[in-house]
């Protein structure tokens, strides 16, 4: 099994809803940060990535058909080169809505990493996230609204420039099934599009609390 769908979009762009949608469409399992939290054997791979050490992407994503969200979104260039047949779904949402969600969740967490009690493997991944997201992607503190939004725009521009149009879908989960199913060439399910991962659900996840 190798990746058939790659998701380079930032966290809080509807990635959990997209994950569930991809799995419903047959492109699962789909890896994301929640999967890393649930499968601690993945953590050393991402520690290696953060430290600049080489990894085997086939090992990192063993058993998965898709990937969305951080930490995988950080290495989208490597993944699109390693899996040239994979399609790319770039999740986006309006900037103001994304900033509101990000700053109430991931932004708070990486700005004050010691303020929240976390299970050890989640704390390790928080360190990875600070390196990959704050240091390498944003290049500014997570509370710097303009700096973070500049990085958000930059990701969209870079992916759009690097990936051929026939391989790329820029997708807002508010659009629902139709554009996603058309792009992936699969039938539209007769169920509502998933809508999950509120701010409250986010904090339960990172604290290791049951859903």
N, C-alpha and C. Protein backbone atom coordinates (compact mmCIF):
# COMPACT_ATOMS: atom_id res chain seq x y z
N UNK A 1 0.85 -1.20 0.00
CA UNK A 1 0.00 0.00 0.00
C UNK A 1 0.88 1.24 0.00
N UNK A 2 0.51 2.24 -0.79
CA UNK A 2 1.22 3.52 -0.79
C UNK A 2 0.19 4.64 -0.80
N UNK A 3 0.65 5.85 -0.55
CA UNK A 3 -0.27 6.97 -0.46
C UNK A 3 -0.92 7.25 -1.82
N UNK A 4 -2.25 7.35 -1.81
CA UNK A 4 -3.00 7.70 -3.01
C UNK A 4 -3.49 9.14 -2.96
N UNK A 5 -3.55 9.71 -1.74
CA UNK A 5 -3.97 11.11 -1.57
C UNK A 5 -3.02 11.76 -0.57
N UNK A 6 -2.53 12.94 -0.93
CA UNK A 6 -1.62 13.71 -0.08
C UNK A 6 -2.30 15.03 0.26
N UNK A 7 -2.29 15.40 1.56
CA UNK A 7 -2.94 16.62 2.01
C UNK A 7 -1.95 17.61 2.61
N UNK A 8 -1.52 18.62 1.86
CA UNK A 8 -0.53 19.58 2.37
C UNK A 8 -1.12 20.74 3.14
N UNK A 9 -2.45 20.76 3.36
CA UNK A 9 -3.08 21.88 4.04
C UNK A 9 -2.75 21.95 5.52
N UNK A 10 -2.75 23.16 6.05
CA UNK A 10 -2.48 23.37 7.47
C UNK A 10 -3.57 22.74 8.33
N UNK A 11 -3.20 22.39 9.56
CA UNK A 11 -4.19 21.99 10.54
C UNK A 11 -5.21 23.08 10.76
N UNK A 12 -6.44 22.70 11.12
CA UNK A 12 -7.58 23.59 11.35
C UNK A 12 -8.17 24.12 10.05
N UNK A 13 -7.90 23.42 8.94
CA UNK A 13 -8.57 23.75 7.67
C UNK A 13 -9.60 22.67 7.33
N UNK A 14 -10.15 22.03 8.37
CA UNK A 14 -11.12 20.98 8.14
C UNK A 14 -10.48 19.64 7.87
N UNK A 15 -9.25 19.47 8.34
CA UNK A 15 -8.52 18.24 8.01
C UNK A 15 -9.14 16.99 8.63
N UNK A 16 -9.73 17.11 9.82
CA UNK A 16 -10.36 15.93 10.41
C UNK A 16 -11.60 15.53 9.61
N UNK A 17 -12.37 16.50 9.19
CA UNK A 17 -13.52 16.21 8.33
C UNK A 17 -13.06 15.59 7.01
N UNK A 18 -11.98 16.13 6.45
CA UNK A 18 -11.45 15.60 5.20
C UNK A 18 -10.95 14.17 5.39
N UNK A 19 -10.29 13.91 6.51
CA UNK A 19 -9.82 12.55 6.80
C UNK A 19 -10.99 11.56 6.77
N UNK A 20 -12.05 11.90 7.48
CA UNK A 20 -13.20 11.00 7.54
C UNK A 20 -13.87 10.86 6.17
N UNK A 21 -13.90 11.95 5.41
CA UNK A 21 -14.47 11.88 4.06
C UNK A 21 -13.64 10.96 3.16
N UNK A 22 -12.34 11.10 3.21
CA UNK A 22 -11.47 10.24 2.38
C UNK A 22 -11.65 8.77 2.76
N UNK A 23 -11.74 8.50 4.06
CA UNK A 23 -11.93 7.12 4.49
C UNK A 23 -13.29 6.60 4.03
N UNK A 24 -14.30 7.43 4.06
CA UNK A 24 -15.62 7.02 3.59
C UNK A 24 -15.60 6.71 2.10
N UNK A 25 -14.73 7.39 1.36
CA UNK A 25 -14.64 7.21 -0.09
C UNK A 25 -13.71 6.06 -0.49
N UNK A 26 -13.12 5.39 0.50
CA UNK A 26 -12.26 4.25 0.20
C UNK A 26 -10.78 4.56 0.18
N UNK A 27 -10.40 5.78 0.60
CA UNK A 27 -8.99 6.16 0.61
C UNK A 27 -8.45 6.14 2.04
N UNK A 28 -8.75 5.09 2.74
CA UNK A 28 -8.30 4.97 4.12
C UNK A 28 -7.50 3.69 4.31
N UNK A 29 -6.85 3.59 5.47
CA UNK A 29 -6.82 4.60 6.53
C UNK A 29 -6.10 5.88 6.08
N UNK A 30 -6.45 6.99 6.72
CA UNK A 30 -5.85 8.29 6.44
C UNK A 30 -5.07 8.74 7.66
N UNK A 31 -3.81 9.04 7.47
CA UNK A 31 -2.95 9.45 8.58
C UNK A 31 -3.09 10.95 8.84
N UNK A 32 -3.06 11.32 10.12
CA UNK A 32 -3.06 12.71 10.54
C UNK A 32 -2.48 12.77 11.94
N UNK A 33 -2.52 13.92 12.58
CA UNK A 33 -1.93 14.03 13.91
C UNK A 33 -2.63 13.13 14.92
N UNK A 34 -3.93 12.97 14.80
CA UNK A 34 -4.64 12.08 15.73
C UNK A 34 -4.14 10.65 15.60
N UNK A 35 -3.84 10.22 14.38
CA UNK A 35 -3.30 8.88 14.18
C UNK A 35 -1.93 8.74 14.85
N UNK A 36 -1.12 9.78 14.77
CA UNK A 36 0.19 9.75 15.43
C UNK A 36 0.01 9.65 16.93
N UNK A 37 -0.95 10.40 17.47
CA UNK A 37 -1.23 10.32 18.90
C UNK A 37 -1.69 8.92 19.30
N UNK A 38 -2.46 8.28 18.44
CA UNK A 38 -3.02 6.97 18.76
C UNK A 38 -2.04 5.84 18.52
N UNK A 39 -1.04 6.05 17.67
CA UNK A 39 -0.08 5.00 17.31
C UNK A 39 1.32 5.52 17.63
N UNK A 40 1.73 5.30 18.85
CA UNK A 40 2.98 5.90 19.33
C UNK A 40 4.20 5.44 18.55
N UNK A 41 4.11 4.32 17.84
CA UNK A 41 5.25 3.86 17.05
C UNK A 41 5.60 4.84 15.93
N UNK A 42 4.66 5.73 15.60
CA UNK A 42 4.95 6.74 14.57
C UNK A 42 5.82 7.87 15.09
N UNK A 43 5.81 8.09 16.39
CA UNK A 43 6.47 9.27 16.96
C UNK A 43 7.96 9.34 16.61
N UNK A 44 8.74 8.24 16.72
CA UNK A 44 10.16 8.35 16.38
C UNK A 44 10.42 8.78 14.94
N UNK A 45 9.56 8.41 14.02
CA UNK A 45 9.73 8.87 12.64
C UNK A 45 9.71 10.39 12.57
N UNK A 46 8.75 10.99 13.28
CA UNK A 46 8.62 12.44 13.21
C UNK A 46 9.68 13.16 14.03
N UNK A 47 10.17 12.51 15.09
CA UNK A 47 11.34 13.07 15.77
C UNK A 47 12.53 13.13 14.82
N UNK A 48 12.69 12.09 14.00
CA UNK A 48 13.78 12.07 13.03
C UNK A 48 13.61 13.17 11.99
N UNK A 49 12.40 13.35 11.50
CA UNK A 49 12.15 14.42 10.53
C UNK A 49 12.51 15.78 11.12
N UNK A 50 12.06 16.03 12.35
CA UNK A 50 12.34 17.31 13.00
C UNK A 50 13.83 17.52 13.23
N UNK A 51 14.56 16.42 13.43
CA UNK A 51 16.00 16.51 13.65
C UNK A 51 16.80 16.54 12.35
N UNK A 52 16.10 16.44 11.22
CA UNK A 52 16.79 16.48 9.94
C UNK A 52 17.41 15.16 9.52
N UNK A 53 16.97 14.07 10.14
CA UNK A 53 17.50 12.76 9.78
C UNK A 53 16.63 12.12 8.71
N UNK A 54 17.22 11.30 7.83
CA UNK A 54 16.43 10.67 6.76
C UNK A 54 15.47 9.63 7.31
N UNK A 55 14.34 9.48 6.64
CA UNK A 55 13.35 8.46 6.99
C UNK A 55 12.87 7.82 5.70
N UNK A 56 12.30 6.64 5.83
CA UNK A 56 11.64 5.97 4.71
C UNK A 56 10.17 6.34 4.75
N UNK A 57 9.67 7.00 3.72
CA UNK A 57 8.26 7.38 3.72
C UNK A 57 7.35 6.17 3.69
N UNK A 58 7.81 5.09 3.07
CA UNK A 58 7.01 3.86 3.09
C UNK A 58 6.87 3.33 4.51
N UNK A 59 7.89 3.53 5.34
CA UNK A 59 7.81 3.11 6.74
C UNK A 59 6.92 4.07 7.54
N UNK A 60 7.10 5.36 7.30
CA UNK A 60 6.32 6.36 8.04
C UNK A 60 4.83 6.15 7.82
N UNK A 61 4.45 5.89 6.56
CA UNK A 61 3.03 5.79 6.21
C UNK A 61 2.61 4.35 5.91
N UNK A 62 3.29 3.41 6.51
CA UNK A 62 2.94 2.00 6.30
C UNK A 62 1.49 1.75 6.71
N UNK A 63 0.72 1.15 5.81
CA UNK A 63 -0.67 0.83 6.10
C UNK A 63 -1.66 1.93 5.80
N UNK A 64 -1.19 3.11 5.35
CA UNK A 64 -2.08 4.24 5.08
C UNK A 64 -2.20 4.49 3.58
N UNK A 65 -3.39 4.92 3.18
CA UNK A 65 -3.63 5.26 1.77
C UNK A 65 -3.71 6.76 1.56
N UNK A 66 -3.82 7.52 2.64
CA UNK A 66 -3.94 8.97 2.52
C UNK A 66 -3.30 9.64 3.72
N UNK A 67 -3.04 10.94 3.58
CA UNK A 67 -2.44 11.73 4.65
C UNK A 67 -3.01 13.13 4.58
N UNK A 68 -3.38 13.69 5.73
CA UNK A 68 -3.79 15.09 5.83
C UNK A 68 -3.21 15.67 7.12
N UNK A 69 -3.21 17.00 7.23
CA UNK A 69 -2.85 17.67 8.48
C UNK A 69 -1.35 17.57 8.75
N UNK A 70 -0.89 18.35 9.72
CA UNK A 70 0.45 18.17 10.25
C UNK A 70 0.50 16.86 11.04
N UNK A 71 1.64 16.19 11.16
CA UNK A 71 2.94 16.60 10.68
C UNK A 71 3.20 16.30 9.20
N UNK A 72 2.41 15.41 8.58
CA UNK A 72 2.67 15.04 7.19
C UNK A 72 2.61 16.20 6.23
N UNK A 73 1.74 17.19 6.52
CA UNK A 73 1.61 18.33 5.62
C UNK A 73 2.93 19.08 5.47
N UNK A 74 3.79 19.00 6.48
CA UNK A 74 5.06 19.72 6.41
C UNK A 74 5.96 19.17 5.30
N UNK A 75 5.86 17.89 5.02
CA UNK A 75 6.78 17.25 4.06
C UNK A 75 6.09 16.99 2.73
N UNK A 76 5.15 17.83 2.36
CA UNK A 76 4.35 17.59 1.15
C UNK A 76 5.21 17.51 -0.10
N UNK A 77 6.29 18.28 -0.16
CA UNK A 77 7.15 18.20 -1.35
C UNK A 77 7.79 16.82 -1.47
N UNK A 78 8.28 16.30 -0.36
CA UNK A 78 8.88 14.97 -0.36
C UNK A 78 7.85 13.92 -0.74
N UNK A 79 6.65 14.05 -0.19
CA UNK A 79 5.62 13.03 -0.43
C UNK A 79 5.13 13.06 -1.87
N UNK A 80 4.94 14.25 -2.44
CA UNK A 80 4.46 14.30 -3.82
C UNK A 80 5.52 13.79 -4.79
N UNK A 81 6.80 13.90 -4.41
CA UNK A 81 7.86 13.32 -5.24
C UNK A 81 7.95 11.81 -5.04
N UNK A 82 7.77 11.36 -3.80
CA UNK A 82 7.89 9.93 -3.50
C UNK A 82 6.72 9.13 -4.05
N UNK A 83 5.55 9.77 -4.14
CA UNK A 83 4.34 9.09 -4.62
C UNK A 83 3.76 9.88 -5.79
N UNK A 84 4.39 9.78 -6.96
CA UNK A 84 4.00 10.63 -8.09
C UNK A 84 2.61 10.35 -8.63
N UNK A 85 2.03 9.19 -8.30
CA UNK A 85 0.68 8.88 -8.77
C UNK A 85 -0.39 9.40 -7.81
N UNK A 86 0.01 9.83 -6.62
CA UNK A 86 -0.95 10.31 -5.63
C UNK A 86 -1.55 11.64 -6.05
N UNK A 87 -2.83 11.81 -5.77
CA UNK A 87 -3.48 13.10 -5.99
C UNK A 87 -3.29 13.97 -4.74
N UNK A 88 -3.39 15.28 -4.95
CA UNK A 88 -3.12 16.24 -3.88
C UNK A 88 -4.39 17.03 -3.60
N UNK A 89 -4.84 16.97 -2.35
CA UNK A 89 -6.02 17.72 -1.92
C UNK A 89 -5.56 18.75 -0.89
N UNK A 90 -5.52 20.00 -1.31
CA UNK A 90 -5.07 21.09 -0.45
C UNK A 90 -6.28 21.69 0.26
N UNK A 91 -6.43 21.40 1.55
CA UNK A 91 -7.56 21.91 2.32
C UNK A 91 -7.32 23.37 2.68
N UNK A 92 -8.35 24.18 2.48
CA UNK A 92 -8.29 25.62 2.78
C UNK A 92 -9.60 26.04 3.43
N UNK A 93 -9.58 27.22 4.03
CA UNK A 93 -10.80 27.85 4.51
C UNK A 93 -10.55 29.35 4.53
N UNK A 94 -11.58 30.18 4.63
CA UNK A 94 -11.35 31.62 4.67
C UNK A 94 -10.35 32.00 5.76
N UNK A 95 -9.49 32.94 5.44
CA UNK A 95 -8.39 33.29 6.35
C UNK A 95 -8.86 33.65 7.75
N UNK A 96 -9.87 34.48 7.86
CA UNK A 96 -10.31 34.93 9.18
C UNK A 96 -10.81 33.76 10.02
N UNK A 97 -11.57 32.86 9.39
CA UNK A 97 -12.08 31.69 10.11
C UNK A 97 -10.94 30.76 10.50
N UNK A 98 -9.97 30.60 9.59
CA UNK A 98 -8.83 29.73 9.93
C UNK A 98 -8.04 30.32 11.10
N UNK A 99 -7.77 31.61 11.07
CA UNK A 99 -7.00 32.22 12.15
C UNK A 99 -7.72 32.09 13.49
N UNK A 100 -9.01 32.32 13.50
CA UNK A 100 -9.78 32.18 14.74
C UNK A 100 -9.63 30.78 15.31
N UNK A 101 -9.76 29.77 14.46
CA UNK A 101 -9.66 28.38 14.91
C UNK A 101 -8.24 28.03 15.32
N UNK A 102 -7.27 28.41 14.50
CA UNK A 102 -5.87 28.11 14.81
C UNK A 102 -5.43 28.76 16.11
N UNK A 103 -5.75 30.03 16.29
CA UNK A 103 -5.26 30.75 17.46
C UNK A 103 -5.90 30.26 18.75
N UNK A 104 -7.07 29.62 18.67
CA UNK A 104 -7.73 29.07 19.86
C UNK A 104 -7.31 27.64 20.16
N UNK A 105 -6.49 27.05 19.30
CA UNK A 105 -6.13 25.64 19.45
C UNK A 105 -4.62 25.45 19.31
N UNK A 106 -4.16 25.15 18.12
CA UNK A 106 -2.74 24.87 17.89
C UNK A 106 -1.88 26.06 18.29
N UNK A 107 -2.32 27.26 17.97
CA UNK A 107 -1.54 28.45 18.31
C UNK A 107 -1.31 28.58 19.80
N UNK A 108 -2.36 28.36 20.59
CA UNK A 108 -2.20 28.43 22.04
C UNK A 108 -1.26 27.34 22.54
N UNK A 109 -1.39 26.17 21.97
CA UNK A 109 -0.60 25.04 22.45
C UNK A 109 0.89 25.24 22.21
N UNK A 110 1.26 25.70 21.01
CA UNK A 110 2.69 25.86 20.73
C UNK A 110 3.25 27.15 21.33
N UNK A 111 2.38 28.11 21.65
CA UNK A 111 2.85 29.34 22.29
C UNK A 111 3.18 29.12 23.76
N UNK A 112 2.45 28.22 24.42
CA UNK A 112 2.66 27.96 25.85
C UNK A 112 2.65 26.46 26.09
N UNK A 113 3.68 25.76 25.64
CA UNK A 113 3.65 24.29 25.67
C UNK A 113 3.62 23.68 27.05
N UNK A 114 4.00 24.42 28.06
CA UNK A 114 4.04 23.85 29.41
C UNK A 114 2.80 24.18 30.24
N UNK A 115 1.83 24.83 29.63
CA UNK A 115 0.64 25.24 30.38
C UNK A 115 -0.43 24.15 30.46
N UNK A 116 -0.27 23.11 29.63
CA UNK A 116 -1.29 22.06 29.56
C UNK A 116 -0.66 20.72 29.91
N UNK A 117 -1.24 19.95 30.84
CA UNK A 117 -0.71 18.60 31.12
C UNK A 117 -0.98 17.68 29.94
N UNK A 118 0.08 17.03 29.44
CA UNK A 118 -0.04 16.19 28.25
C UNK A 118 0.59 14.83 28.48
N UNK A 119 0.06 13.78 27.87
CA UNK A 119 0.74 12.49 27.90
C UNK A 119 2.13 12.62 27.28
N UNK A 120 3.10 11.80 27.70
CA UNK A 120 4.49 11.96 27.24
C UNK A 120 4.65 11.96 25.72
N UNK A 121 3.99 11.03 25.01
CA UNK A 121 4.20 10.98 23.56
C UNK A 121 3.58 12.18 22.86
N UNK A 122 2.51 12.74 23.44
CA UNK A 122 1.92 13.94 22.86
C UNK A 122 2.82 15.14 23.12
N UNK A 123 3.46 15.17 24.30
CA UNK A 123 4.42 16.25 24.56
C UNK A 123 5.60 16.16 23.60
N UNK A 124 6.05 14.95 23.29
CA UNK A 124 7.13 14.80 22.32
C UNK A 124 6.70 15.35 20.97
N UNK A 125 5.47 15.01 20.54
CA UNK A 125 4.98 15.50 19.26
C UNK A 125 4.75 17.01 19.28
N UNK A 126 4.47 17.57 20.45
CA UNK A 126 4.36 19.02 20.55
C UNK A 126 5.71 19.66 20.23
N UNK A 127 6.78 19.06 20.74
CA UNK A 127 8.12 19.57 20.41
C UNK A 127 8.40 19.48 18.92
N UNK A 128 7.99 18.37 18.31
CA UNK A 128 8.14 18.22 16.87
C UNK A 128 7.33 19.30 16.15
N UNK A 129 6.10 19.51 16.62
CA UNK A 129 5.24 20.51 16.00
C UNK A 129 5.80 21.91 16.10
N UNK A 130 6.38 22.26 17.25
CA UNK A 130 6.98 23.58 17.41
C UNK A 130 8.09 23.77 16.39
N UNK A 131 8.91 22.75 16.19
CA UNK A 131 10.00 22.84 15.22
C UNK A 131 9.48 22.95 13.79
N UNK A 132 8.55 22.06 13.42
CA UNK A 132 8.09 22.03 12.03
C UNK A 132 7.14 23.18 11.70
N UNK A 133 6.29 23.55 12.65
CA UNK A 133 5.26 24.56 12.36
C UNK A 133 5.78 25.97 12.66
N UNK A 134 6.18 26.19 13.91
CA UNK A 134 6.59 27.55 14.28
C UNK A 134 7.92 27.94 13.64
N UNK A 135 8.93 27.08 13.82
CA UNK A 135 10.27 27.45 13.37
C UNK A 135 10.41 27.40 11.85
N UNK A 136 9.99 26.30 11.25
CA UNK A 136 10.28 26.10 9.82
C UNK A 136 9.19 26.59 8.88
N UNK A 137 7.94 26.58 9.34
CA UNK A 137 6.85 26.99 8.45
C UNK A 137 6.47 28.46 8.65
N UNK A 138 6.27 28.87 9.90
CA UNK A 138 5.87 30.26 10.16
C UNK A 138 7.07 31.20 10.19
N UNK A 139 8.12 30.81 10.91
CA UNK A 139 9.26 31.69 11.08
C UNK A 139 8.92 32.89 11.95
N UNK A 140 7.91 32.72 12.82
CA UNK A 140 7.49 33.80 13.70
C UNK A 140 6.70 33.19 14.84
N UNK A 141 6.46 33.92 15.94
CA UNK A 141 5.64 33.39 17.02
C UNK A 141 4.23 33.09 16.54
N UNK A 142 3.57 32.10 17.13
CA UNK A 142 2.22 31.75 16.68
C UNK A 142 1.17 32.82 16.95
N UNK A 143 1.49 33.80 17.80
CA UNK A 143 0.55 34.89 18.06
C UNK A 143 0.70 36.03 17.06
N UNK A 144 1.70 35.94 16.19
CA UNK A 144 1.93 36.97 15.17
C UNK A 144 0.95 36.75 14.02
N UNK A 145 -0.20 37.38 14.10
CA UNK A 145 -1.28 37.11 13.15
C UNK A 145 -0.83 37.32 11.71
N UNK A 146 -0.20 38.43 11.42
CA UNK A 146 0.18 38.72 10.04
C UNK A 146 1.27 37.77 9.54
N UNK A 147 2.22 37.44 10.44
CA UNK A 147 3.27 36.51 10.04
C UNK A 147 2.73 35.11 9.77
N UNK A 148 1.80 34.67 10.62
CA UNK A 148 1.21 33.34 10.45
C UNK A 148 0.33 33.30 9.21
N UNK A 149 -0.47 34.35 9.00
CA UNK A 149 -1.31 34.37 7.80
C UNK A 149 -0.48 34.46 6.53
N UNK A 150 0.68 35.11 6.60
CA UNK A 150 1.56 35.14 5.43
C UNK A 150 2.04 33.73 5.10
N UNK A 151 2.34 32.94 6.15
CA UNK A 151 2.75 31.55 5.93
C UNK A 151 1.61 30.72 5.37
N UNK A 152 0.39 30.99 5.83
CA UNK A 152 -0.80 30.30 5.32
C UNK A 152 -0.97 30.56 3.83
N UNK A 153 -0.87 31.83 3.46
CA UNK A 153 -0.97 32.17 2.03
C UNK A 153 0.17 31.57 1.22
N UNK A 154 1.35 31.56 1.81
CA UNK A 154 2.52 31.03 1.12
C UNK A 154 2.35 29.54 0.81
N UNK A 155 1.79 28.79 1.77
CA UNK A 155 1.59 27.37 1.53
C UNK A 155 0.65 27.15 0.33
N UNK A 156 -0.44 27.89 0.29
CA UNK A 156 -1.39 27.76 -0.81
C UNK A 156 -0.72 28.10 -2.14
N UNK A 157 0.06 29.18 -2.15
CA UNK A 157 0.72 29.60 -3.38
C UNK A 157 1.78 28.59 -3.82
N UNK A 158 2.53 28.07 -2.86
CA UNK A 158 3.61 27.13 -3.22
C UNK A 158 3.06 25.81 -3.75
N UNK A 159 2.02 25.29 -3.11
CA UNK A 159 1.43 24.05 -3.59
C UNK A 159 0.80 24.26 -4.96
N UNK A 160 0.10 25.36 -5.13
CA UNK A 160 -0.56 25.65 -6.40
C UNK A 160 0.45 25.80 -7.52
N UNK A 161 1.62 26.34 -7.20
CA UNK A 161 2.65 26.52 -8.22
C UNK A 161 3.39 25.22 -8.54
N UNK A 162 3.51 24.34 -7.55
CA UNK A 162 4.33 23.14 -7.73
C UNK A 162 3.57 21.95 -8.31
N UNK A 163 2.27 21.88 -8.07
CA UNK A 163 1.50 20.70 -8.45
C UNK A 163 0.68 21.00 -9.71
N UNK A 164 0.77 20.17 -10.75
CA UNK A 164 -0.02 20.40 -11.96
C UNK A 164 -1.51 20.44 -11.65
N UNK A 165 -2.27 21.27 -12.35
CA UNK A 165 -3.70 21.43 -12.05
C UNK A 165 -4.48 20.12 -12.07
N UNK A 166 -4.12 19.21 -12.96
CA UNK A 166 -4.88 17.96 -13.04
C UNK A 166 -4.61 17.04 -11.85
N UNK A 167 -3.56 17.34 -11.10
CA UNK A 167 -3.23 16.52 -9.92
C UNK A 167 -3.69 17.16 -8.62
N UNK A 168 -4.18 18.40 -8.67
CA UNK A 168 -4.44 19.20 -7.46
C UNK A 168 -5.89 19.61 -7.36
N UNK A 169 -6.44 19.47 -6.15
CA UNK A 169 -7.74 20.05 -5.80
C UNK A 169 -7.53 20.98 -4.61
N UNK A 170 -7.82 22.26 -4.78
CA UNK A 170 -7.85 23.20 -3.66
C UNK A 170 -9.28 23.14 -3.13
N UNK A 171 -9.42 22.71 -1.88
CA UNK A 171 -10.72 22.26 -1.40
C UNK A 171 -11.08 22.82 -0.04
N UNK A 172 -12.26 23.44 0.04
CA UNK A 172 -12.85 23.87 1.30
C UNK A 172 -13.91 22.83 1.66
N UNK A 173 -13.80 22.24 2.86
CA UNK A 173 -14.75 21.18 3.21
C UNK A 173 -16.20 21.68 3.21
N UNK A 174 -16.41 22.99 3.29
CA UNK A 174 -17.76 23.54 3.20
C UNK A 174 -18.40 23.25 1.84
N UNK A 175 -17.59 22.93 0.83
CA UNK A 175 -18.11 22.60 -0.50
C UNK A 175 -18.76 21.22 -0.55
N UNK A 176 -18.47 20.38 0.44
CA UNK A 176 -19.10 19.07 0.49
C UNK A 176 -18.52 18.06 -0.47
N UNK A 177 -19.31 17.03 -0.75
CA UNK A 177 -18.82 15.86 -1.48
C UNK A 177 -18.48 16.12 -2.95
N UNK A 178 -19.26 16.96 -3.63
CA UNK A 178 -19.22 16.97 -5.10
C UNK A 178 -17.84 17.23 -5.69
N UNK A 179 -17.14 18.33 -5.33
CA UNK A 179 -15.83 18.55 -5.95
C UNK A 179 -14.81 17.48 -5.57
N UNK A 180 -14.88 16.99 -4.34
CA UNK A 180 -13.93 15.97 -3.91
C UNK A 180 -14.15 14.67 -4.67
N UNK A 181 -15.39 14.26 -4.80
CA UNK A 181 -15.69 13.00 -5.49
C UNK A 181 -15.38 13.11 -6.98
N UNK A 182 -15.67 14.26 -7.57
CA UNK A 182 -15.35 14.46 -8.98
C UNK A 182 -13.83 14.35 -9.19
N UNK A 183 -13.07 14.98 -8.32
CA UNK A 183 -11.61 14.96 -8.44
C UNK A 183 -11.05 13.56 -8.28
N UNK A 184 -11.58 12.81 -7.33
CA UNK A 184 -11.08 11.46 -7.06
C UNK A 184 -11.76 10.39 -7.92
N UNK A 185 -12.72 10.81 -8.72
CA UNK A 185 -13.42 9.92 -9.65
C UNK A 185 -14.11 8.78 -8.91
N UNK A 186 -14.88 9.15 -7.90
CA UNK A 186 -15.66 8.17 -7.14
C UNK A 186 -17.08 8.68 -6.99
N UNK A 187 -18.05 7.80 -6.73
CA UNK A 187 -19.44 8.24 -6.57
C UNK A 187 -19.63 9.07 -5.30
N UNK A 188 -20.62 9.95 -5.34
CA UNK A 188 -20.97 10.75 -4.17
C UNK A 188 -21.77 9.89 -3.20
N UNK A 189 -21.33 9.77 -1.95
CA UNK A 189 -22.07 8.96 -0.97
C UNK A 189 -23.43 9.57 -0.64
N UNK A 190 -24.33 8.71 -0.22
CA UNK A 190 -25.66 9.17 0.18
C UNK A 190 -25.71 9.42 1.68
N UNK A 191 -24.70 10.06 2.19
CA UNK A 191 -24.63 10.44 3.61
C UNK A 191 -24.09 11.87 3.67
N UNK A 192 -24.37 12.60 4.74
CA UNK A 192 -23.85 13.96 4.85
C UNK A 192 -22.31 13.97 4.91
N UNK A 193 -21.73 15.04 4.43
CA UNK A 193 -20.28 15.22 4.53
C UNK A 193 -19.91 15.37 6.01
N UNK A 194 -18.81 14.75 6.47
CA UNK A 194 -18.44 14.84 7.90
C UNK A 194 -18.18 16.27 8.34
N UNK A 195 -18.61 16.60 9.53
CA UNK A 195 -18.32 17.91 10.14
C UNK A 195 -17.88 17.66 11.57
N UNK A 196 -16.58 17.65 11.81
CA UNK A 196 -16.07 17.26 13.13
C UNK A 196 -14.89 18.14 13.54
N UNK A 197 -14.40 17.89 14.77
CA UNK A 197 -13.20 18.48 15.35
C UNK A 197 -13.39 19.95 15.70
N UNK A 198 -14.32 20.19 16.60
CA UNK A 198 -14.49 21.52 17.17
C UNK A 198 -13.30 21.86 18.05
N UNK A 199 -13.25 23.11 18.51
CA UNK A 199 -12.19 23.52 19.43
C UNK A 199 -12.21 22.66 20.68
N UNK A 200 -13.41 22.37 21.20
CA UNK A 200 -13.52 21.52 22.39
C UNK A 200 -12.96 20.12 22.11
N UNK A 201 -13.28 19.55 20.96
CA UNK A 201 -12.76 18.23 20.60
C UNK A 201 -11.24 18.24 20.47
N UNK A 202 -10.70 19.33 19.95
CA UNK A 202 -9.25 19.46 19.83
C UNK A 202 -8.57 19.33 21.19
N UNK A 203 -9.07 20.07 22.18
CA UNK A 203 -8.41 20.05 23.48
C UNK A 203 -8.57 18.70 24.18
N UNK A 204 -9.68 18.03 23.98
CA UNK A 204 -9.82 16.68 24.52
C UNK A 204 -8.79 15.75 23.91
N UNK A 205 -8.57 15.89 22.60
CA UNK A 205 -7.61 15.02 21.91
C UNK A 205 -6.20 15.22 22.44
N UNK A 206 -5.75 16.47 22.54
CA UNK A 206 -4.36 16.67 22.95
C UNK A 206 -4.13 16.34 24.40
N UNK A 207 -5.16 16.39 25.21
CA UNK A 207 -5.01 16.02 26.62
C UNK A 207 -5.10 14.51 26.82
N UNK A 208 -5.39 13.79 25.74
CA UNK A 208 -5.52 12.34 25.84
C UNK A 208 -6.81 11.88 26.45
N UNK A 209 -7.84 12.75 26.42
CA UNK A 209 -9.13 12.41 26.99
C UNK A 209 -9.95 11.61 25.99
N UNK A 210 -10.85 10.76 26.45
CA UNK A 210 -11.71 10.01 25.52
C UNK A 210 -12.63 10.95 24.78
N UNK A 211 -13.01 10.55 23.56
CA UNK A 211 -13.92 11.37 22.73
C UNK A 211 -15.32 11.34 23.33
